[in-house]
Amino acid sequence: MRSVPKFLSILVLVCLMGLASADERLEKLGHPLAQRYPDGSEFQDARNISDLKAFDGKLYVGHGDWGVNSGPTDLWYYDLHKKEFVNQGQIEDEAADHFRVINGRLYVPGTDPREDWSLGNFYRLENGQWVKHRTLPAAIHNLDIVGVGQTLFAMCTRLIEQPACLMVSSDDGQTWKVYEIPPDTGIPPDTRLRQRLLVIDGNVYVPGITKSGELKVYRFNGNGFDPCSGDLLPGAEKPVRNSVSWSTAALEKPTMFKGKTVYLGGVIRSNQDADKRGLSKKTLELFVATLPIPNEFRAERSLTEENLTDLAVDDERCYAVSYRWKNKSDPKQGAVTTVSASTDLKNWSKLFSFHDATYASAIEVVNGDIYLGLGGTGEFWTPSTGMILKVGKDNSVMGN
């Protein structure tokens, strides 16, 4: 048998050692939400980290639970220079689910306002203070906010008898014009439109769910919506509808990378059986879509992992975080989280893996440093949920 060259053996050993020792190389930055939402409390689920967003030398932390109404919600950031957590104020919504940077300013959509439903909110960081803009007409849930040029777009759901809609503002959010989603997207507003808006080549695209549970996308044309063609989740399982359960497709965490749209495909399931009642979400795979023409998507699978939770990008790479339970039947044994990266969205390298009591639910990359936020599930909770971690660029095993 031909022997393996010594230098290849050493290289393989170094790579394996780097991946195996990732647990030791993790830096625990802190747990800013633990005091507000302690273990065993009614609102402990609000510690689940839903987003990490770098802005102006700070790492903002998305969290909250608008299912059980955990607000008002503190807005925390980690100062990347002073290396400390700071509470920057509070918003009158049940969650700060995610952040958006629009024209150099930081926004938070008002996911679930604590006031009456005559108006919905969005928040903008202005001169170091979070300012509430209570201007969205009859918006119970502002699911997302994006910008194109000087125009703002907000995806909102309203009262059950009113269809979900896209709201458009040309005066910095002071007033809004309402555009209803086409009626063939069919199911109740609170379940049919939980996805974020897509901005591609100056166009705004609105994901929707058909009556059969399939994913469709509409392009806003300035006056209404043009239906787009193409299967955004090729090869995904078909939605189910019967007397005891239903499922819908989902498009999560859309991100632009080198002119392509990257997103997580998923399925949301509901079981109405008395013994198994509940709602569950499962991530399918990572998909990449292009638009040869404005109303035609072409998508393909790019990365398959057991549970994908978030995406991040820098100038060179797209990053994906995933996890697997060490023992599916016994989550108390913890989860193994893996961070992968790609320069071309075709070939992916695993940078590192680590074991913890729970999994990473959010990722952000700043100057090569990788930051992770730990999540949790309603069925299984750990004191680690809500922890913010860092793997420095000098410590991560960088690949393709």
Protein backbone atom coordinates (compact mmCIF):
# COMPACT_ATOMS: atom_id res chain seq x y z
CA MET A 1 0.00 0.00 0.00
CA ARG A 2 1.30 3.44 -0.94
CA SER A 3 1.98 5.57 2.15
CA VAL A 4 0.43 9.03 2.62
CA PRO A 5 3.02 11.83 2.25
CA LYS A 6 4.07 13.15 5.64
CA PHE A 7 3.13 16.77 4.89
CA LEU A 8 -0.47 15.70 3.99
CA SER A 9 -0.79 13.77 7.24
CA ILE A 10 0.32 16.82 9.20
CA LEU A 11 -2.10 19.08 7.31
CA VAL A 12 -5.06 16.78 7.97
CA LEU A 13 -4.11 16.49 11.64
CA VAL A 14 -3.87 20.27 12.04
CA CYS A 15 -7.31 20.77 10.45
CA LEU A 16 -8.90 18.11 12.64
CA MET A 17 -7.29 19.57 15.76
CA GLY A 18 -8.57 23.03 14.82
CA LEU A 19 -12.13 21.83 14.38
CA ALA A 20 -12.03 19.63 17.48
CA SER A 21 -10.74 22.41 19.72
CA ALA A 22 -13.34 25.00 18.68
CA ASP A 23 -15.03 24.66 22.10
CA GLU A 24 -11.87 25.96 23.76
CA ARG A 25 -11.48 28.81 21.28
CA LEU A 26 -14.96 30.24 21.88
CA GLU A 27 -15.08 33.44 23.89
CA LYS A 28 -18.25 33.98 25.94
CA LEU A 29 -18.96 37.70 25.75
CA GLY A 30 -21.93 37.77 28.09
CA HIS A 31 -25.61 37.18 28.72
CA PRO A 32 -27.38 40.56 28.58
CA LEU A 33 -30.94 39.18 28.72
CA ALA A 34 -30.60 36.79 31.66
CA GLN A 35 -31.64 39.26 34.37
CA ARG A 36 -34.73 40.51 32.52
CA TYR A 37 -35.86 37.01 31.48
CA PRO A 38 -34.55 34.53 34.11
CA ASP A 39 -34.74 30.75 33.75
CA GLY A 40 -38.22 29.42 34.50
CA SER A 41 -39.90 32.80 34.10
CA GLU A 42 -43.00 33.36 32.00
CA PHE A 43 -40.96 35.14 29.34
CA GLN A 44 -37.80 33.04 29.23
CA ASP A 45 -38.40 32.36 25.51
CA ALA A 46 -37.71 36.05 24.87
CA ARG A 47 -34.00 35.29 25.42
CA ASN A 48 -33.85 33.41 22.14
CA ILE A 49 -31.46 35.40 19.92
CA SER A 50 -33.26 36.12 16.64
CA ASP A 51 -30.73 38.48 15.04
CA LEU A 52 -27.25 39.98 15.37
CA LYS A 53 -26.56 43.17 13.40
CA ALA A 54 -23.30 45.12 13.28
CA PHE A 55 -23.71 48.89 13.03
CA ASP A 56 -21.41 51.81 13.91
CA GLY A 57 -18.96 49.76 15.97
CA LYS A 58 -21.72 47.97 17.86
CA LEU A 59 -23.35 44.54 17.68
CA TYR A 60 -27.12 44.84 18.15
CA VAL A 61 -29.02 41.91 19.68
CA GLY A 62 -32.44 40.89 18.33
CA HIS A 63 -34.77 39.10 20.75
CA GLY A 64 -38.26 39.05 22.29
CA ASP A 65 -41.38 36.89 22.13
CA TRP A 66 -44.44 38.47 20.58
CA GLY A 67 -46.33 35.20 20.97
CA VAL A 68 -46.53 35.58 24.76
CA ASN A 69 -46.09 39.38 24.74
CA SER A 70 -42.77 39.80 26.53
CA GLY A 71 -42.46 43.58 25.99
CA PRO A 72 -41.66 46.35 26.38
CA THR A 73 -38.36 45.31 24.82
CA ASP A 74 -34.89 46.49 25.81
CA LEU A 75 -32.50 47.29 22.96
CA TRP A 76 -29.07 45.89 23.76
CA TYR A 77 -25.80 46.16 21.89
CA TYR A 78 -22.28 44.93 22.47
CA ASP A 79 -19.68 47.69 22.07
CA LEU A 80 -17.02 46.15 19.85
CA HIS A 81 -14.35 48.62 21.04
CA LYS A 82 -15.11 48.90 24.77
CA LYS A 83 -16.07 45.20 24.88
CA GLU A 84 -19.15 45.68 27.04
CA PHE A 85 -22.93 45.33 26.73
CA VAL A 86 -25.05 48.48 26.78
CA ASN A 87 -28.81 48.90 27.17
CA GLN A 88 -29.67 51.69 24.70
CA GLY A 89 -33.30 52.10 25.70
CA GLN A 90 -36.65 50.40 25.31
CA ILE A 91 -39.32 50.09 22.63
CA GLU A 92 -43.09 49.75 23.09
CA ASP A 93 -43.32 46.52 21.14
CA GLU A 94 -43.32 42.89 22.26
CA ALA A 95 -40.07 42.08 20.42
CA ALA A 96 -37.12 43.56 18.54
CA ASP A 97 -37.06 40.68 16.10
CA HIS A 98 -34.46 42.03 13.66
CA PHE A 99 -32.65 45.17 12.52
CA ARG A 100 -32.37 46.82 9.11
CA VAL A 101 -29.83 49.36 7.87
CA ILE A 102 -31.45 51.78 5.41
CA ASN A 103 -29.49 54.68 3.91
CA GLY A 104 -26.96 54.52 6.73
CA ARG A 105 -29.56 54.52 9.53
CA LEU A 106 -30.62 51.65 11.79
CA TYR A 107 -34.27 50.57 11.96
CA VAL A 108 -36.38 48.10 13.95
CA PRO A 109 -39.84 47.10 12.64
CA GLY A 110 -42.57 47.24 15.31
CA THR A 111 -43.40 43.56 15.42
CA ASP A 112 -46.29 43.81 17.88
CA PRO A 113 -47.21 47.21 19.41
CA ARG A 114 -48.33 47.40 23.02
CA GLU A 115 -50.69 50.28 22.28
CA ASP A 116 -54.07 50.14 20.53
CA TRP A 117 -54.21 48.82 16.97
CA SER A 118 -55.14 52.07 15.25
CA LEU A 119 -51.48 52.57 14.30
CA GLY A 120 -48.36 50.41 14.03
CA ASN A 121 -44.77 51.36 14.77
CA PHE A 122 -41.30 51.41 13.40
CA TYR A 123 -38.23 52.65 15.25
CA ARG A 124 -35.18 54.51 13.99
CA LEU A 125 -31.91 55.29 15.72
CA GLU A 126 -31.57 59.08 15.60
CA ASN A 127 -28.64 60.90 17.24
CA GLY A 128 -27.97 57.92 19.49
CA GLN A 129 -31.61 57.59 20.65
CA TRP A 130 -34.33 55.21 19.51
CA VAL A 131 -37.28 57.22 18.18
CA LYS A 132 -40.71 55.64 17.79
CA HIS A 133 -42.61 56.49 14.61
CA ARG A 134 -46.24 55.53 15.21
CA THR A 135 -47.51 56.13 11.69
CA LEU A 136 -48.42 52.77 10.08
CA PRO A 137 -52.22 52.77 9.62
CA ALA A 138 -53.98 49.90 11.44
CA ALA A 139 -50.81 47.78 11.45
CA ILE A 140 -51.03 45.08 14.12
CA HIS A 141 -47.71 43.56 13.03
CA ASN A 142 -44.96 45.35 11.08
CA LEU A 143 -43.06 42.28 9.94
CA ASP A 144 -40.28 44.03 8.03
CA ILE A 145 -39.09 47.40 6.77
CA VAL A 146 -36.71 48.08 3.86
CA GLY A 147 -35.71 51.01 1.67
CA VAL A 148 -35.04 51.72 -1.98
CA GLY A 149 -33.61 55.16 -2.63
CA GLN A 150 -35.62 57.57 -0.48
CA THR A 151 -38.69 55.31 -0.31
CA LEU A 152 -39.55 53.09 2.66
CA PHE A 153 -41.50 49.83 2.38
CA ALA A 154 -43.16 48.06 5.33
CA MET A 155 -44.79 44.61 5.29
CA CYS A 156 -47.77 44.67 7.67
CA THR A 157 -50.68 42.56 8.82
CA ARG A 158 -53.88 44.19 10.03
CA LEU A 159 -57.18 43.07 11.54
CA ILE A 160 -58.32 39.62 10.44
CA GLU A 161 -60.92 41.02 8.01
CA GLN A 162 -58.28 43.20 6.32
CA PRO A 163 -55.73 41.58 3.98
CA ALA A 164 -52.03 41.79 4.71
CA CYS A 165 -50.47 44.67 2.85
CA LEU A 166 -47.34 46.47 1.72
CA MET A 167 -47.13 50.07 2.94
CA VAL A 168 -45.04 52.60 1.02
CA SER A 169 -43.76 55.98 2.24
CA SER A 170 -42.00 58.67 0.23
CA ASP A 171 -41.68 61.14 3.15
CA ASP A 172 -39.36 59.26 5.54
CA GLY A 173 -42.18 57.32 7.20
CA GLN A 174 -44.48 60.20 8.10
CA THR A 175 -47.32 58.98 5.88
CA TRP A 176 -47.97 55.69 4.09
CA LYS A 177 -49.91 54.45 1.08
CA VAL A 178 -51.41 50.97 1.44
CA TYR A 179 -51.17 48.28 -1.25
CA GLU A 180 -53.03 45.06 -0.50
CA ILE A 181 -51.55 41.67 -1.33
CA PRO A 182 -53.39 39.87 -4.17
CA PRO A 183 -56.39 37.96 -2.76
CA ASP A 184 -55.24 34.54 -4.05
CA THR A 185 -52.63 34.38 -1.27
CA GLY A 186 -55.54 33.11 0.74
CA ILE A 187 -54.98 32.16 4.41
CA PRO A 188 -55.34 34.34 7.55
CA PRO A 189 -52.90 37.27 7.72
CA ASP A 190 -51.09 36.20 10.90
CA THR A 191 -49.95 32.94 9.29
CA ARG A 192 -49.56 33.70 5.62
CA LEU A 193 -46.95 36.47 5.65
CA ARG A 194 -44.19 36.03 8.20
CA GLN A 195 -41.34 36.33 5.71
CA ARG A 196 -39.12 39.34 5.19
CA LEU A 197 -39.13 41.54 2.11
CA LEU A 198 -36.56 41.05 -0.64
CA VAL A 199 -34.79 43.97 -2.33
CA ILE A 200 -33.12 42.94 -5.59
CA ASP A 201 -31.73 45.36 -8.19
CA GLY A 202 -33.86 48.20 -6.86
CA ASN A 203 -37.09 46.16 -6.87
CA VAL A 204 -39.10 45.09 -3.81
CA TYR A 205 -40.39 41.51 -3.78
CA VAL A 206 -43.09 40.27 -1.41
CA PRO A 207 -43.22 36.58 -0.41
CA GLY A 208 -46.71 35.15 0.05
CA ILE A 209 -48.41 31.84 0.77
CA THR A 210 -51.15 30.43 -1.48
CA LYS A 211 -54.27 28.73 -0.16
CA SER A 212 -52.57 25.38 -0.73
CA GLY A 213 -49.56 26.45 1.35
CA GLU A 214 -47.13 26.99 -1.53
CA LEU A 215 -44.61 29.83 -1.61
CA LYS A 216 -45.11 32.59 -4.19
CA VAL A 217 -43.36 35.92 -4.72
CA TYR A 218 -44.78 39.16 -6.08
CA ARG A 219 -42.84 42.14 -7.42
CA PHE A 220 -44.11 45.56 -6.45
CA ASN A 221 -44.43 47.55 -9.68
CA GLY A 222 -45.21 50.96 -8.21
CA ASN A 223 -48.97 50.56 -8.41
CA GLY A 224 -49.57 46.94 -7.48
CA PHE A 225 -48.02 43.51 -7.75
CA ASP A 226 -46.73 41.36 -10.59
CA PRO A 227 -46.66 37.60 -9.91
CA CYS A 228 -43.23 36.04 -10.38
CA SER A 229 -42.59 32.65 -11.91
CA GLY A 230 -40.14 29.99 -10.79
CA ASP A 231 -39.91 27.45 -7.98
CA LEU A 232 -38.07 29.08 -5.07
CA LEU A 233 -37.80 25.79 -3.15
CA PRO A 234 -36.95 23.18 -5.81
CA GLY A 235 -37.21 19.64 -4.51
CA ALA A 236 -38.89 20.67 -1.25
CA GLU A 237 -41.69 18.63 0.26
CA LYS A 238 -45.16 19.62 -0.84
CA PRO A 239 -47.49 21.38 1.64
CA VAL A 240 -50.08 19.21 3.40
CA ARG A 241 -53.75 20.00 4.03
CA ASN A 242 -56.12 17.62 5.85
CA SER A 243 -58.56 17.58 8.76
CA VAL A 244 -55.92 17.38 11.51
CA SER A 245 -52.82 19.11 10.11
CA TRP A 246 -51.54 21.58 7.55
CA SER A 247 -48.17 22.88 6.45
CA THR A 248 -46.87 25.85 4.48
CA ALA A 249 -43.57 26.61 2.80
CA ALA A 250 -41.37 29.36 4.25
CA LEU A 251 -38.58 31.60 2.98
CA GLU A 252 -36.33 32.73 5.84
CA LYS A 253 -33.39 35.13 6.29
CA PRO A 254 -33.03 36.40 2.67
CA THR A 255 -29.55 37.85 2.13
CA MET A 256 -27.82 39.33 -0.91
CA PHE A 257 -24.35 38.03 -1.79
CA LYS A 258 -22.46 38.87 -4.98
CA GLY A 259 -25.66 39.72 -6.85
CA LYS A 260 -27.55 36.57 -5.81
CA THR A 261 -30.31 36.05 -3.27
CA VAL A 262 -29.44 33.51 -0.57
CA TYR A 263 -32.11 32.24 1.83
CA LEU A 264 -33.19 29.37 4.03
CA GLY A 265 -36.11 27.29 2.84
CA GLY A 266 -38.37 25.83 5.47
CA VAL A 267 -41.75 24.37 6.29
CA ILE A 268 -44.17 25.43 9.03
CA ARG A 269 -46.44 22.66 10.31
CA SER A 270 -49.59 22.87 12.42
CA ASN A 271 -51.16 19.85 14.10
CA GLN A 272 -54.72 20.20 15.41
CA ASP A 273 -54.88 16.72 16.95
CA ALA A 274 -55.84 17.09 20.60
CA ASP A 275 -52.83 15.05 21.79
CA LYS A 276 -50.28 16.71 19.47
CA ARG A 277 -51.60 20.25 19.06
CA GLY A 278 -49.01 22.85 18.18
CA LEU A 279 -46.96 24.71 15.59
CA SER A 280 -43.48 23.63 14.50
CA LYS A 281 -40.90 24.90 12.02
CA LYS A 282 -38.26 22.91 10.17
CA THR A 283 -35.49 24.26 7.96
CA LEU A 284 -35.06 22.41 4.67
CA GLU A 285 -31.91 23.66 2.98
CA LEU A 286 -30.04 26.75 1.82
CA PHE A 287 -31.12 28.01 -1.60
CA VAL A 288 -29.65 30.49 -4.08
CA ALA A 289 -31.83 32.39 -6.56
CA THR A 290 -31.09 34.62 -9.53
CA LEU A 291 -33.38 36.80 -11.64
CA PRO A 292 -32.60 36.56 -15.37
CA ILE A 293 -35.52 38.96 -15.86
CA PRO A 294 -37.36 40.96 -13.14
CA ASN A 295 -40.33 38.56 -12.73
CA GLU A 296 -38.61 35.18 -13.13
CA PHE A 297 -36.73 33.43 -10.32
CA ARG A 298 -34.32 30.58 -10.92
CA ALA A 299 -33.37 28.81 -7.71
CA GLU A 300 -31.15 25.89 -6.79
CA ARG A 301 -30.08 24.12 -3.64
CA SER A 302 -26.68 25.14 -2.35
CA LEU A 303 -26.13 23.66 1.12
CA THR A 304 -27.77 20.80 2.98
CA GLU A 305 -27.45 20.66 6.75
CA GLU A 306 -29.66 19.16 9.45
CA ASN A 307 -30.90 22.46 10.92
CA LEU A 308 -29.91 25.80 9.37
CA THR A 309 -30.64 28.87 11.51
CA ASP A 310 -29.01 32.01 10.07
CA LEU A 311 -26.85 33.61 7.38
CA ALA A 312 -24.26 36.39 7.29
CA VAL A 313 -22.02 37.87 4.61
CA ASP A 314 -18.89 39.95 4.23
CA ASP A 315 -17.08 41.07 1.08
CA GLU A 316 -15.55 37.64 0.46
CA ARG A 317 -17.77 34.96 1.98
CA CYS A 318 -21.30 33.92 2.76
CA TYR A 319 -21.59 32.23 6.17
CA ALA A 320 -24.23 29.74 7.35
CA VAL A 321 -24.81 28.42 10.85
CA SER A 322 -26.42 25.04 11.49
CA TYR A 323 -26.75 22.55 14.32
CA ARG A 324 -27.62 18.98 15.23
CA TRP A 325 -28.65 17.54 18.57
CA LYS A 326 -26.07 15.11 19.91
CA ASN A 327 -28.99 12.81 20.70
CA LYS A 328 -32.33 13.65 19.05
CA SER A 329 -34.28 11.76 21.69
CA ASP A 330 -32.41 13.43 24.55
CA PRO A 331 -31.72 17.15 23.89
CA LYS A 332 -30.25 17.47 27.38
CA GLN A 333 -27.05 16.10 25.85
CA GLY A 334 -26.77 19.41 23.99
CA ALA A 335 -26.21 20.48 20.39
CA VAL A 336 -23.25 20.69 18.03
CA THR A 337 -23.24 23.98 16.11
CA THR A 338 -21.29 24.28 12.84
CA VAL A 339 -20.32 27.43 10.94
CA SER A 340 -19.72 26.98 7.20
CA ALA A 341 -18.60 29.47 4.55
CA SER A 342 -18.40 29.81 0.78
CA THR A 343 -16.95 32.29 -1.68
CA ASP A 344 -19.04 31.10 -4.64
CA LEU A 345 -22.22 29.60 -3.09
CA LYS A 346 -21.32 26.25 -4.63
CA ASN A 347 -18.44 24.95 -2.54
CA TRP A 348 -18.80 25.17 1.22
CA SER A 349 -16.14 24.68 3.90
CA LYS A 350 -16.83 23.96 7.56
CA LEU A 351 -14.89 26.57 9.53
CA PHE A 352 -15.48 25.15 13.00
CA SER A 353 -17.92 23.25 15.20
CA PHE A 354 -18.57 23.42 18.92
CA HIS A 355 -20.70 21.67 21.50
CA ASP A 356 -22.93 23.52 23.95
CA ALA A 357 -26.11 22.93 25.94
CA THR A 358 -28.04 24.56 23.08
CA TYR A 359 -27.52 25.79 19.50
CA ALA A 360 -26.57 29.03 17.77
CA SER A 361 -29.61 30.78 16.30
CA ALA A 362 -27.93 33.94 14.93
CA ILE A 363 -24.60 34.90 13.32
CA GLU A 364 -22.79 38.09 12.34
CA VAL A 365 -19.29 38.61 10.94
CA VAL A 366 -17.27 41.78 11.63
CA ASN A 367 -13.76 42.22 10.20
CA GLY A 368 -13.32 38.44 10.14
CA ASP A 369 -14.52 37.93 13.72
CA ILE A 370 -17.53 35.63 13.99
CA TYR A 371 -20.24 36.39 16.57
CA LEU A 372 -22.97 33.93 17.53
CA GLY A 373 -26.13 34.19 19.61
CA LEU A 374 -27.54 31.10 21.31
CA GLY A 375 -31.20 30.14 20.99
CA GLY A 376 -33.62 27.64 22.45
CA THR A 377 -36.96 25.96 21.91
CA GLY A 378 -40.16 25.99 23.90
CA GLU A 379 -39.77 22.27 24.55
CA PHE A 380 -36.18 22.48 25.73
CA TRP A 381 -34.55 25.40 27.51
CA THR A 382 -31.08 25.92 28.96
CA PRO A 383 -29.34 28.67 30.95
CA SER A 384 -27.10 29.17 27.88
CA THR A 385 -29.96 30.53 25.77
CA GLY A 386 -29.28 34.22 25.10
CA MET A 387 -25.50 33.96 25.46
CA ILE A 388 -23.39 35.89 22.91
CA LEU A 389 -20.19 34.17 21.71
CA LYS A 390 -17.20 35.17 19.62
CA VAL A 391 -14.63 33.28 17.58
CA GLY A 392 -11.86 35.70 16.58
CA LYS A 393 -10.51 35.71 13.02
CA ASP A 394 -7.17 34.44 14.29
CA ASN A 395 -8.90 31.48 15.93
CA SER A 396 -11.36 30.27 13.30
CA VAL A 397 -10.33 27.62 10.79
CA MET A 398 -10.93 29.56 7.59
CA GLY A 399 -11.58 27.64 4.39
CA ASN A 400 -13.00 28.30 0.91
